[in-house]
């Protein structure tokens, strides 16, 4: 699983779907921006003492899913 590649695929798909004809892609800028957003969301969950360990992991997996990043089969229940 390459997070930057997954985020880049999502970005390209969104651009195509919005029917833009001319566009420039800075893969690092796009991935870094989304990655920072994800890390910030994950950090908030980790800092929140109201979550049990299980619930924190569940919320983190949900963040990955929101960004269309595969979490693998270990969390498939």
Protein backbone atom coordinates (compact mmCIF):
# COMPACT_ATOMS: atom_id res chain seq x y z
CA UNK A 1 0.00 0.00 0.00
CA UNK A 2 1.56 3.26 -1.17
CA UNK A 3 -0.43 6.09 0.42
CA UNK A 4 0.89 8.82 -1.90
CA UNK A 5 -0.02 6.72 -4.95
CA UNK A 6 -3.51 6.03 -3.59
CA UNK A 7 -4.07 9.72 -2.87
CA UNK A 8 -2.79 10.64 -6.32
CA UNK A 9 -5.21 8.17 -7.94
CA UNK A 10 -8.11 9.74 -6.04
CA UNK A 11 -7.06 13.22 -7.09
CA UNK A 12 -6.74 12.28 -10.76
CA UNK A 13 -10.13 10.58 -10.69
CA UNK A 14 -11.75 13.68 -9.19
CA UNK A 15 -10.18 15.90 -11.85
CA UNK A 16 -11.40 13.65 -14.65
CA UNK A 17 -14.86 13.44 -13.14
CA UNK A 18 -15.17 17.21 -13.02
CA UNK A 19 -14.29 17.27 -16.75
CA UNK A 20 -11.36 19.59 -16.54
CA UNK A 21 -9.47 19.72 -19.80
CA UNK A 22 -6.17 21.33 -18.80
CA UNK A 23 -4.60 20.70 -15.44
CA UNK A 24 -1.23 20.41 -13.78
CA UNK A 25 -0.50 17.84 -11.12
CA UNK A 26 2.04 18.24 -8.34
CA UNK A 27 1.83 14.76 -6.82
CA UNK A 28 3.87 15.63 -3.74
CA UNK A 29 1.80 18.72 -2.95
CA UNK A 30 -1.48 16.84 -3.36
CA UNK A 31 -0.40 13.82 -1.34
CA UNK A 32 1.29 15.88 1.37
CA UNK A 33 -1.79 18.03 1.81
CA UNK A 34 -4.11 15.03 2.15
CA UNK A 35 -1.58 13.20 4.28
CA UNK A 36 -1.33 16.14 6.68
CA UNK A 37 -5.12 16.25 6.94
CA UNK A 38 -5.21 12.53 7.71
CA UNK A 39 -2.44 12.75 10.29
CA UNK A 40 -4.20 15.64 12.00
CA UNK A 41 -7.43 13.65 12.21
CA UNK A 42 -5.60 10.59 13.53
CA UNK A 43 -3.70 12.68 16.07
CA UNK A 44 -6.98 14.04 17.47
CA UNK A 45 -8.26 10.50 17.97
CA UNK A 46 -5.05 9.31 19.63
CA UNK A 47 -5.07 12.28 22.02
CA UNK A 48 -8.74 11.75 22.96
CA UNK A 49 -8.72 9.72 26.16
CA UNK A 50 -12.44 9.00 25.80
CA UNK A 51 -11.69 6.33 23.19
CA UNK A 52 -10.81 2.79 24.21
CA UNK A 53 -7.91 1.30 22.24
CA UNK A 54 -10.36 -0.67 20.11
CA UNK A 55 -12.55 2.37 19.42
CA UNK A 56 -9.52 4.51 18.55
CA UNK A 57 -8.36 1.94 15.99
CA UNK A 58 -11.90 1.74 14.59
CA UNK A 59 -11.97 5.53 14.13
CA UNK A 60 -8.51 5.53 12.52
CA UNK A 61 -9.60 2.83 10.07
CA UNK A 62 -12.64 4.96 9.24
CA UNK A 63 -10.31 7.86 8.42
CA UNK A 64 -8.34 5.66 6.04
CA UNK A 65 -11.60 4.55 4.41
CA UNK A 66 -12.74 8.19 4.01
CA UNK A 67 -9.57 8.83 2.04
CA UNK A 68 -10.13 5.61 0.04
CA UNK A 69 -7.00 3.95 1.40
CA UNK A 70 -7.16 0.18 1.75
CA UNK A 71 -6.70 -1.07 5.31
CA UNK A 72 -6.31 -4.68 4.29
CA UNK A 73 -8.22 -7.68 5.54
CA UNK A 74 -7.26 -7.55 9.24
CA UNK A 75 -10.05 -5.12 10.02
CA UNK A 76 -12.76 -6.80 7.96
CA UNK A 77 -15.39 -7.58 10.61
